[in-house]
C-alpha atoms as a PDB file:
ATOM      1  CA  MET A   1       0.148   0.119  -0.306  1.00  0.00           C
ATOM      2  CA  MET A   2       1.176   3.059  -0.968  1.00  0.00           C
ATOM      3  CA  THR A   3       1.904   6.066   1.941  1.00  0.00           C
ATOM      4  CA  LEU A   4       0.548   9.519   1.309  1.00  0.00           C
ATOM      5  CA  GLU A   5       4.020  10.925   0.271  1.00  0.00           C
ATOM      6  CA  GLN A   6       3.926   8.049  -2.267  1.00  0.00           C
ATOM      7  CA  MET A   7       0.283   9.088  -3.580  1.00  0.00           C
ATOM      8  CA  LYS A   8       1.396  12.967  -3.601  1.00  0.00           C
ATOM      9  CA  LYS A   9       4.519  12.038  -5.935  1.00  0.00           C
ATOM     10  CA  ARG A  10       2.604   9.688  -8.091  1.00  0.00           C
ATOM     11  CA  LYS A  11      -0.061  12.095  -8.360  1.00  0.00           C
ATOM     12  CA  GLU A  12       2.228  14.973  -9.276  1.00  0.00           C
ATOM     13  CA  GLU A  13       3.672  12.852 -11.800  1.00  0.00           C
ATOM     14  CA  LEU A  14       0.533  11.879 -13.736  1.00  0.00           C
ATOM     15  CA  GLU A  15      -0.569  15.217 -13.501  1.00  0.00           C
ATOM     16  CA  TYR A  16      -4.054  14.076 -11.799  1.00  0.00           C
ATOM     17  CA  THR A  17      -6.121  16.881 -10.267  1.00  0.00           C
ATOM     18  CA  ASN A  18      -7.935  16.161  -7.100  1.00  0.00           C
ATOM     19  CA  GLU A  19     -11.274  16.155  -9.157  1.00  0.00           C
ATOM     20  CA  ALA A  20      -9.896  13.803 -11.728  1.00  0.00           C
ATOM     21  CA  ILE A  21      -8.757  11.535  -8.523  1.00  0.00           C
ATOM     22  CA  SER A  22     -12.010  12.035  -7.403  1.00  0.00           C
ATOM     23  CA  LEU A  23     -13.937  10.556 -10.599  1.00  0.00           C
ATOM     24  CA  LEU A  24     -11.222   7.792 -11.013  1.00  0.00           C
ATOM     25  CA  SER A  25     -11.888   6.035  -7.634  1.00  0.00           C
ATOM     26  CA  GLY A  26     -15.644   7.120  -6.418  1.00  0.00           C
ATOM     27  CA  VAL A  27     -13.889   8.894  -3.381  1.00  0.00           C
ATOM     28  CA  PRO A  28     -15.674  11.875  -2.580  1.00  0.00           C
ATOM     29  CA  LEU A  29     -14.007  15.196  -3.700  1.00  0.00           C
ATOM     30  CA  SER A  30     -14.111  16.840  -0.253  1.00  0.00           C
ATOM     31  CA  THR A  31     -12.546  13.542   1.070  1.00  0.00           C
ATOM     32  CA  VAL A  32      -9.882  13.542  -0.976  1.00  0.00           C
ATOM     33  CA  ASN A  33      -9.082  17.362  -1.004  1.00  0.00           C
ATOM     34  CA  LYS A  34      -8.801  16.198   2.820  1.00  0.00           C
ATOM     35  CA  ILE A  35      -6.519  13.543   2.280  1.00  0.00           C
ATOM     36  CA  PHE A  36      -3.927  15.382   0.052  1.00  0.00           C
ATOM     37  CA  ASN A  37      -3.992  18.530   2.009  1.00  0.00           C
ATOM     38  CA  GLY A  38      -3.491  16.464   5.092  1.00  0.00           C
ATOM     39  CA  ALA A  39      -6.798  17.361   7.153  1.00  0.00           C
ATOM     40  CA  THR A  40      -7.648  14.207   7.342  1.00  0.00           C
ATOM     41  CA  LYS A  41      -4.678  12.242   9.147  1.00  0.00           C
ATOM     42  CA  SER A  42      -6.091   8.285   9.385  1.00  0.00           C
ATOM     43  CA  PRO A  43      -8.213   7.779   6.358  1.00  0.00           C
ATOM     44  CA  ARG A  44      -9.553   4.504   5.756  1.00  0.00           C
ATOM     45  CA  TYR A  45      -8.036   1.573   4.094  1.00  0.00           C
ATOM     46  CA  SER A  46     -10.701   1.350   1.574  1.00  0.00           C
ATOM     47  CA  THR A  47     -10.358   4.778   0.819  1.00  0.00           C
ATOM     48  CA  ILE A  48      -6.419   4.548   0.831  1.00  0.00           C
ATOM     49  CA  MET A  49      -6.749   1.639  -1.675  1.00  0.00           C
ATOM     50  CA  ALA A  50      -9.781   3.193  -4.013  1.00  0.00           C
ATOM     51  CA  ILE A  51      -6.901   6.193  -4.643  1.00  0.00           C
ATOM     52  CA  GLU A  52      -4.119   4.015  -5.089  1.00  0.00           C
ATOM     53  CA  ARG A  53      -6.037   2.019  -7.606  1.00  0.00           C
ATOM     54  CA  ALA A  54      -6.866   5.426  -9.350  1.00  0.00           C
ATOM     55  CA  LEU A  55      -3.462   6.304  -9.525  1.00  0.00           C
ATOM     56  CA  ALA A  56      -1.943   3.025 -10.964  1.00  0.00           C
ATOM     57  CA  PRO A  57      -0.586   3.275 -13.773  1.00  0.00           C
ATOM     58  CA  GLU A  58      -2.022   2.599 -17.615  1.00  0.00           C
ATOM     59  CA  PRO A  59      -1.144  -0.634 -19.482  1.00  0.00           C
ATOM     60  CA  GLU A  60       2.064  -0.442 -21.478  1.00  0.00           C
ATOM     61  CA  VAL A  61       0.479  -2.258 -24.135  1.00  0.00           C
ATOM     62  CA  LEU A  62      -2.925  -1.864 -25.539  1.00  0.00           C
ATOM     63  CA  VAL A  63      -5.000  -4.577 -27.002  1.00  0.00           C
ATOM     64  CA  LEU A  64      -7.254  -4.652 -29.734  1.00  0.00           C
ATOM     65  CA  ARG A  65      -9.865  -7.038 -31.464  1.00  0.00           C
ATOM     66  CA  ASP A  66     -10.019  -7.779 -35.378  1.00  0.00           C
ATOM     67  CA  SER A  67     -11.707 -10.267 -37.511  1.00  0.00           C
ATOM     68  CA  ALA A  68     -10.590 -13.365 -38.890  1.00  0.00           C
ATOM     69  CA  GLY A  69      -8.238 -12.796 -41.772  1.00  0.00           C
ATOM     70  CA  THR A  70      -7.320  -9.076 -41.273  1.00  0.00           C
ATOM     71  CA  ALA A  71      -4.865  -9.333 -38.980  1.00  0.00           C
ATOM     72  CA  PRO A  72      -1.919  -6.780 -40.242  1.00  0.00           C
ATOM     73  CA  ALA A  73       1.402  -8.302 -39.990  1.00  0.00           C
ATOM     74  CA  ASP A  74       2.887  -6.136 -37.223  1.00  0.00           C
ATOM     75  CA  ILE A  75       0.718  -7.937 -34.559  1.00  0.00           C
ATOM     76  CA  ASP A  76       3.398 -10.274 -32.847  1.00  0.00           C
ATOM     77  CA  GLN A  77       1.513 -12.334 -30.450  1.00  0.00           C
ATOM     78  CA  GLU A  78      -2.250 -14.086 -29.004  1.00  0.00           C
ATOM     79  CA  THR A  79      -3.785 -13.371 -25.483  1.00  0.00           C
ATOM     80  CA  ASP A  80      -7.205 -13.850 -24.308  1.00  0.00           C
ATOM     81  CA  HIS A  81      -8.356 -10.451 -24.563  1.00  0.00           C
ATOM     82  CA  GLY A  82      -7.547 -10.233 -28.434  1.00  0.00           C
ATOM     83  CA  ARG A  83      -4.309  -9.331 -30.799  1.00  0.00           C
ATOM     84  CA  VAL A  84      -0.966  -7.472 -29.606  1.00  0.00           C
ATOM     85  CA  TRP A  85      -0.094  -4.594 -31.679  1.00  0.00           C
ATOM     86  CA  SER A  86       3.326  -4.228 -31.338  1.00  0.00           C
ATOM     87  CA  ARG A  87       4.090  -0.759 -32.830  1.00  0.00           C
ATOM     88  CA  GLN A  88       2.319   1.700 -30.377  1.00  0.00           C
ATOM     89  CA  GLY A  89       3.620   5.233 -30.434  1.00  0.00           C
ATOM     90  CA  THR A  90       4.177   5.381 -34.166  1.00  0.00           C
ATOM     91  CA  TYR A  91       0.902   4.597 -35.699  1.00  0.00           C
ATOM     92  CA  THR A  92      -0.324   7.203 -38.057  1.00  0.00           C
ATOM     93  CA  LEU A  93      -3.374   8.465 -40.044  1.00  0.00           C
ATOM     94  CA  HIS A  94      -2.751   6.062 -42.843  1.00  0.00           C
ATOM     95  CA  ASP A  95      -2.801   3.047 -40.242  1.00  0.00           C
ATOM     96  CA  TYR A  96      -6.223   4.553 -38.627  1.00  0.00           C
ATOM     97  CA  LEU A  97      -7.794   4.330 -42.349  1.00  0.00           C
ATOM     98  CA  ALA A  98      -6.485   0.952 -43.178  1.00  0.00           C
ATOM     99  CA  LEU A  99      -8.201  -0.370 -40.158  1.00  0.00           C
ATOM    100  CA  PRO A 100     -11.131  -2.789 -40.975  1.00  0.00           C
ATOM    101  CA  ASP A 101     -14.599  -1.584 -40.578  1.00  0.00           C
ATOM    102  CA  ASP A 102     -14.982  -3.634 -37.690  1.00  0.00           C
ATOM    103  CA  ILE A 103     -12.596  -2.480 -35.372  1.00  0.00           C
ATOM    104  CA  ARG A 104     -12.894   1.134 -33.638  1.00  0.00           C
ATOM    105  CA  VAL A 105     -10.177   2.747 -31.934  1.00  0.00           C
ATOM    106  CA  GLU A 106      -8.630   5.966 -31.146  1.00  0.00           C
ATOM    107  CA  LEU A 107      -5.370   7.164 -32.378  1.00  0.00           C
ATOM    108  CA  ILE A 108      -3.652   9.563 -29.457  1.00  0.00           C
ATOM    109  CA  ASP A 109       0.237  10.364 -30.195  1.00  0.00           C
ATOM    110  CA  GLY A 110       0.692   7.326 -32.479  1.00  0.00           C
ATOM    111  CA  VAL A 111      -1.158   5.205 -29.986  1.00  0.00           C
ATOM    112  CA  PHE A 112      -4.432   2.877 -30.522  1.00  0.00           C
ATOM    113  CA  TYR A 113      -6.772   2.897 -27.814  1.00  0.00           C
ATOM    114  CA  ASN A 114      -9.163   0.408 -28.137  1.00  0.00           C
ATOM    115  CA  MET A 115     -13.108   1.922 -27.940  1.00  0.00           C
ATOM    116  CA  SER A 116     -15.486  -0.920 -26.989  1.00  0.00           C
ATOM    117  CA  SER A 117     -19.047  -0.312 -27.592  1.00  0.00           C
ATOM    118  CA  PRO A 118     -20.880   2.038 -25.012  1.00  0.00           C
ATOM    119  CA  LEU A 119     -23.693   1.069 -22.366  1.00  0.00           C
ATOM    120  CA  ASN A 120     -27.119   2.122 -23.648  1.00  0.00           C
ATOM    121  CA  VAL A 121     -27.532   4.847 -20.967  1.00  0.00           C
ATOM    122  CA  HIS A 122     -24.143   5.973 -22.357  1.00  0.00           C
ATOM    123  CA  GLN A 123     -25.437   6.603 -26.017  1.00  0.00           C
ATOM    124  CA  LEU A 124     -28.898   8.290 -24.453  1.00  0.00           C
ATOM    125  CA  ILE A 125     -27.356  10.495 -22.195  1.00  0.00           C
ATOM    126  CA  ALA A 126     -25.040  11.481 -25.203  1.00  0.00           C
ATOM    127  CA  GLY A 127     -28.054  11.891 -27.552  1.00  0.00           C
ATOM    128  CA  GLU A 128     -30.126  14.031 -24.976  1.00  0.00           C
ATOM    129  CA  ILE A 129     -26.651  16.443 -24.739  1.00  0.00           C
ATOM    130  CA  HIS A 130     -26.541  16.732 -28.359  1.00  0.00           C
ATOM    131  CA  ARG A 131     -29.915  17.079 -28.664  1.00  0.00           C
ATOM    132  CA  VAL A 132     -30.277  20.415 -26.469  1.00  0.00           C
ATOM    133  CA  ILE A 133     -27.304  21.636 -27.987  1.00  0.00           C
ATOM    134  CA  ALA A 134     -28.210  21.298 -31.427  1.00  0.00           C
ATOM    135  CA  THR A 135     -31.685  22.492 -30.840  1.00  0.00           C
ATOM    136  CA  TYR A 136     -30.155  26.146 -29.286  1.00  0.00           C
ATOM    137  CA  LEU A 137     -28.345  26.463 -32.220  1.00  0.00           C
ATOM    138  CA  ARG A 138     -30.892  25.847 -34.900  1.00  0.00           C
ATOM    139  CA  GLU A 139     -33.172  28.055 -33.236  1.00  0.00           C
ATOM    140  CA  ARG A 140     -30.320  31.124 -33.380  1.00  0.00           C
ATOM    141  CA  LYS A 141     -29.327  30.028 -36.709  1.00  0.00           C
ATOM    142  CA  ALA A 142     -25.911  29.984 -35.395  1.00  0.00           C
ATOM    143  CA  THR A 143     -22.498  29.105 -37.268  1.00  0.00           C
ATOM    144  CA  CYS A 144     -20.949  26.719 -34.594  1.00  0.00           C
ATOM    145  CA  MET A 145     -21.814  22.928 -35.653  1.00  0.00           C
ATOM    146  CA  PRO A 146     -22.753  20.398 -33.080  1.00  0.00           C
ATOM    147  CA  PHE A 147     -21.660  16.907 -33.619  1.00  0.00           C
ATOM    148  CA  ILE A 148     -22.348  13.244 -32.216  1.00  0.00           C
ATOM    149  CA  ALA A 149     -19.630  10.160 -32.560  1.00  0.00           C
ATOM    150  CA  PRO A 150     -18.894   8.398 -34.356  1.00  0.00           C
ATOM    151  CA  ALA A 151     -16.835  11.652 -36.209  1.00  0.00           C
ATOM    152  CA  ASP A 152     -13.411  12.171 -36.751  1.00  0.00           C
ATOM    153  CA  VAL A 153     -11.181  14.758 -35.007  1.00  0.00           C
ATOM    154  CA  GLN A 154      -7.862  15.167 -36.138  1.00  0.00           C
ATOM    155  CA  LEU A 155      -7.442  17.145 -32.591  1.00  0.00           C
ATOM    156  CA  ASP A 156      -3.620  18.284 -33.345  1.00  0.00           C
ATOM    157  CA  CYS A 157      -4.005  18.735 -37.435  1.00  0.00           C
ATOM    158  CA  ASP A 158      -1.120  16.083 -37.455  1.00  0.00           C
ATOM    159  CA  ASP A 159      -1.109  12.454 -38.864  1.00  0.00           C
ATOM    160  CA  LYS A 160      -0.687  11.106 -35.276  1.00  0.00           C
ATOM    161  CA  THR A 161      -3.938  11.839 -33.163  1.00  0.00           C
ATOM    162  CA  VAL A 162      -7.929  11.235 -34.289  1.00  0.00           C
ATOM    163  CA  VAL A 163     -10.207  11.103 -31.556  1.00  0.00           C
ATOM    164  CA  GLN A 164     -14.113  10.339 -31.735  1.00  0.00           C
ATOM    165  CA  PRO A 165     -15.700  12.358 -28.636  1.00  0.00           C
ATOM    166  CA  ASP A 166     -18.788  11.717 -27.574  1.00  0.00           C
ATOM    167  CA  VAL A 167     -20.495  14.987 -28.548  1.00  0.00           C
ATOM    168  CA  PHE A 168     -18.400  18.524 -29.717  1.00  0.00           C
ATOM    169  CA  VAL A 169     -19.206  21.786 -31.076  1.00  0.00           C
ATOM    170  CA  VAL A 170     -17.075  23.407 -33.999  1.00  0.00           C
ATOM    171  CA  CYS A 171     -17.702  27.418 -34.472  1.00  0.00           C
ATOM    172  CA  ASP A 172     -15.090  27.883 -36.779  1.00  0.00           C
ATOM    173  CA  ARG A 173     -16.265  26.054 -39.976  1.00  0.00           C
ATOM    174  CA  ASP A 174     -13.399  25.967 -41.931  1.00  0.00           C
ATOM    175  CA  LYS A 175     -12.130  23.022 -39.646  1.00  0.00           C
ATOM    176  CA  VAL A 176     -15.171  21.217 -40.961  1.00  0.00           C
ATOM    177  CA  PRO A 177     -14.039  19.705 -44.415  1.00  0.00           C
ATOM    178  CA  ARG A 178     -16.130  16.424 -45.765  1.00  0.00           C
ATOM    179  CA  ALA A 179     -13.270  13.722 -44.355  1.00  0.00           C
ATOM    180  CA  ARG A 180     -13.017  14.656 -41.054  1.00  0.00           C
ATOM    181  CA  ILE A 181     -12.668  17.748 -38.379  1.00  0.00           C
ATOM    182  CA  PHE A 182      -9.532  19.300 -38.687  1.00  0.00           C
ATOM    183  CA  GLY A 183      -8.266  21.313 -35.255  1.00  0.00           C
ATOM    184  CA  ALA A 184      -9.934  21.415 -32.046  1.00  0.00           C
ATOM    185  CA  PRO A 185     -13.648  21.862 -31.276  1.00  0.00           C
ATOM    186  CA  ASP A 186     -14.492  24.845 -29.415  1.00  0.00           C
ATOM    187  CA  LEU A 187     -16.621  22.421 -26.615  1.00  0.00           C
ATOM    188  CA  VAL A 188     -15.882  18.443 -26.028  1.00  0.00           C
ATOM    189  CA  ILE A 189     -18.108  16.153 -23.906  1.00  0.00           C
ATOM    190  CA  GLU A 190     -17.335  13.003 -23.035  1.00  0.00           C
ATOM    191  CA  VAL A 191     -19.676  10.668 -21.268  1.00  0.00           C
ATOM    192  CA  LEU A 192     -17.855   8.350 -19.021  1.00  0.00           C
ATOM    193  CA  SER A 193     -17.775   4.159 -19.317  1.00  0.00           C
ATOM    194  CA  PRO A 194     -15.840   1.561 -17.763  1.00  0.00           C
ATOM    195  CA  SER A 195     -13.263   0.606 -20.534  1.00  0.00           C
ATOM    196  CA  THR A 196     -12.606   4.492 -21.422  1.00  0.00           C
ATOM    197  CA  ARG A 197     -13.086   6.746 -18.121  1.00  0.00           C
ATOM    198  CA  LYS A 198      -9.698   6.499 -17.266  1.00  0.00           C
ATOM    199  CA  LYS A 199      -8.625   7.707 -20.708  1.00  0.00           C
ATOM    200  CA  ASP A 200     -11.362  10.315 -20.784  1.00  0.00           C
ATOM    201  CA  ILE A 201     -10.053  11.664 -17.117  1.00  0.00           C
ATOM    202  CA  THR A 202      -6.785  11.750 -17.974  1.00  0.00           C
ATOM    203  CA  ILE A 203      -4.650  11.653 -21.275  1.00  0.00           C
ATOM    204  CA  LYS A 204      -7.712  13.367 -23.332  1.00  0.00           C
ATOM    205  CA  THR A 205      -8.063  15.949 -20.568  1.00  0.00           C
ATOM    206  CA  GLN A 206      -4.438  16.742 -21.226  1.00  0.00           C
ATOM    207  CA  LYS A 207      -4.907  16.482 -25.244  1.00  0.00           C
ATOM    208  CA  TYR A 208      -7.944  18.664 -25.365  1.00  0.00           C
ATOM    209  CA  MET A 209      -6.279  21.829 -23.152  1.00  0.00           C
ATOM    210  CA  ASN A 210      -2.832  21.676 -25.310  1.00  0.00           C
ATOM    211  CA  ALA A 211      -5.007  21.562 -28.791  1.00  0.00           C
ATOM    212  CA  GLY A 212      -6.900  24.551 -27.698  1.00  0.00           C
ATOM    213  CA  VAL A 213     -10.199  23.342 -26.884  1.00  0.00           C
ATOM    214  CA  ARG A 214     -12.175  25.868 -24.813  1.00  0.00           C
ATOM    215  CA  GLU A 215     -14.034  23.661 -22.835  1.00  0.00           C
ATOM    216  CA  TYR A 216     -14.621  20.223 -21.526  1.00  0.00           C
ATOM    217  CA  TRP A 217     -17.253  18.080 -19.775  1.00  0.00           C
ATOM    218  CA  LEU A 218     -16.721  14.660 -18.424  1.00  0.00           C
ATOM    219  CA  VAL A 219     -20.034  13.205 -17.330  1.00  0.00           C
ATOM    220  CA  ASP A 220     -20.294  10.820 -15.214  1.00  0.00           C
ATOM    221  CA  PRO A 221     -23.721   8.494 -15.084  1.00  0.00           C
ATOM    222  CA  VAL A 222     -22.590   6.163 -12.170  1.00  0.00           C
ATOM    223  CA  ARG A 223     -21.652   9.378  -9.903  1.00  0.00           C
ATOM    224  CA  LYS A 224     -24.172  11.489 -11.423  1.00  0.00           C
ATOM    225  CA  LYS A 225     -21.635  14.140 -11.873  1.00  0.00           C
ATOM    226  CA  VAL A 226     -20.552  16.746 -14.483  1.00  0.00           C
ATOM    227  CA  LEU A 227     -17.107  17.843 -14.298  1.00  0.00           C
ATOM    228  CA  ILE A 228     -16.106  20.882 -16.455  1.00  0.00           C
ATOM    229  CA  TYR A 229     -12.739  22.329 -17.605  1.00  0.00           C
ATOM    230  CA  LEU A 230     -12.513  25.935 -18.526  1.00  0.00           C
ATOM    231  CA  PHE A 231      -9.511  26.176 -20.935  1.00  0.00           C
ATOM    232  CA  GLU A 232     -10.051  29.628 -21.969  1.00  0.00           C
ATOM    233  CA  ASN A 233      -7.114  31.295 -20.468  1.00  0.00           C
ATOM    234  CA  HIS A 234      -4.416  27.864 -20.683  1.00  0.00           C
ATOM    235  CA  ASP A 235      -5.849  27.021 -16.682  1.00  0.00           C
ATOM    236  CA  TYR A 236      -5.861  23.442 -15.550  1.00  0.00           C
ATOM    237  CA  ASN A 237      -7.227  24.022 -12.400  1.00  0.00           C
ATOM    238  CA  ASN A 238     -10.396  26.055 -13.846  1.00  0.00           C
ATOM    239  CA  MET A 239     -13.493  23.754 -13.164  1.00  0.00           C
ATOM    240  CA  LEU A 240     -16.901  23.945 -12.230  1.00  0.00           C
ATOM    241  CA  LEU A 241     -19.056  20.631 -10.778  1.00  0.00           C
ATOM    242  CA  PHE A 242     -22.457  19.842 -11.066  1.00  0.00           C
ATOM    243  CA  GLY A 243     -24.898  17.669 -10.110  1.00  0.00           C
ATOM    244  CA  PHE A 244     -27.415  15.249 -12.207  1.00  0.00           C
ATOM    245  CA  ASP A 245     -30.138  17.296 -10.226  1.00  0.00           C
ATOM    246  CA  GLN A 246     -29.021  20.857 -11.702  1.00  0.00           C
ATOM    247  CA  LYS A 247     -28.900  22.670 -14.925  1.00  0.00           C
ATOM    248  CA  VAL A 248     -25.608  22.939 -16.032  1.00  0.00           C
ATOM    249  CA  PRO A 249     -24.529  25.758 -18.456  1.00  0.00           C
ATOM    250  CA  VAL A 250     -22.662  25.657 -21.859  1.00  0.00           C
ATOM    251  CA  ASN A 251     -19.998  28.705 -21.352  1.00  0.00           C
ATOM    252  CA  ILE A 252     -18.648  29.289 -24.547  1.00  0.00           C
ATOM    253  CA  PHE A 253     -22.235  30.389 -25.201  1.00  0.00           C
ATOM    254  CA  GLY A 254     -21.927  32.688 -22.433  1.00  0.00           C
ATOM    255  CA  GLY A 255     -24.420  30.087 -20.247  1.00  0.00           C
ATOM    256  CA  ASP A 256     -27.138  31.323 -22.360  1.00  0.00           C
ATOM    257  CA  CYS A 257     -27.556  27.514 -23.267  1.00  0.00           C
ATOM    258  CA  GLU A 258     -28.356  25.124 -20.551  1.00  0.00           C
ATOM    259  CA  VAL A 259     -28.359  21.245 -20.336  1.00  0.00           C
ATOM    260  CA  ASP A 260     -30.879  20.284 -17.373  1.00  0.00           C
ATOM    261  CA  PHE A 261     -29.659  17.116 -15.960  1.00  0.00           C
ATOM    262  CA  ALA A 262     -32.610  16.790 -13.868  1.00  0.00           C
ATOM    263  CA  ASP A 263     -34.994  16.470 -16.764  1.00  0.00           C
ATOM    264  CA  ILE A 264     -32.300  13.863 -18.462  1.00  0.00           C
ATOM    265  CA  SER A 265     -32.405  12.109 -15.417  1.00  0.00           C
ATOM    266  CA  GLU A 266     -36.116  11.605 -15.031  1.00  0.00           C
ATOM    267  CA  TYR A 267     -36.184  10.729 -18.513  1.00  0.00           C
ATOM    268  CA  LEU A 268     -33.514   7.972 -17.868  1.00  0.00           C
ATOM    269  CA  ARG A 269     -34.432   7.145 -14.752  1.00  0.00           C
ATOM    270  CA  TYR A 270     -34.941   3.290 -15.804  1.00  0.00           C
ATOM    271  CA  TRP A 271     -31.423   3.295 -17.237  1.00  0.00           C
ATOM    272  CA  LEU A 272     -29.243   5.353 -14.822  1.00  0.00           C
ATOM    273  CA  GLU A 273     -31.056   3.258 -12.042  1.00  0.00           C
ATOM    274  CA  GLU A 274     -29.956  -0.116 -13.530  1.00  0.00           C
ATOM    275  CA  GLY A 275     -26.211   1.088 -13.448  1.00  0.00           C
ATOM    276  CA  GLU A 276     -26.540   1.617  -9.319  1.00  0.00           C
END
């Protein structure tokens, strides 16, 4: 078990915020804050273990499933989970476009990340958020364009990163050619799911901020929280936290557009309760 000092060091190495650790571990943010600022001297064993699991390193090799007969030449071993791709860190847009249609991945800094099919509640929440934002923009005949996954985004305008945010808005139409989005969206919303939550909370948060995304939402259906990063001033610590009982403002629109999560929660109550 890690000591508090070891956890603090690991937290700094990973550049995790207390909010990210709370989302990853399930430990309330107030408790995480008290542990790391020293206010809680003897936290519960279960709490420490949950935080330690959140600070665990990502796997060095990621696994992708492929269909029979479609394995590329650089697959070098078989596992119980699929085939291991040996060139992680060197893949490009060319490799991404050459994948079979039944493989869904994101490419981040030359690394393929597997994207499993999301749960129904994940899709329903993303659809409701997209509907609210799309309606707002259509009613105002705005130039900003709302998108919903799967839609490719060449986030860094290079051939090393292609992501598929759950919901996003692009206000510069020059970034919207026919093939894929070229450059950073203004707003990105990711609905957390078991297979992608750590990537969304950690790796993609940093990527979105560095690429120039203005606002980033992390929607957690399990803990019924919405964490918003405001990156306008490239500030990793400018955050807002909402519950699923609140209306959440879209800050890039000056808060004029709001997503009513209380309404969404009532509408999707059956699916949200199933996940509890």
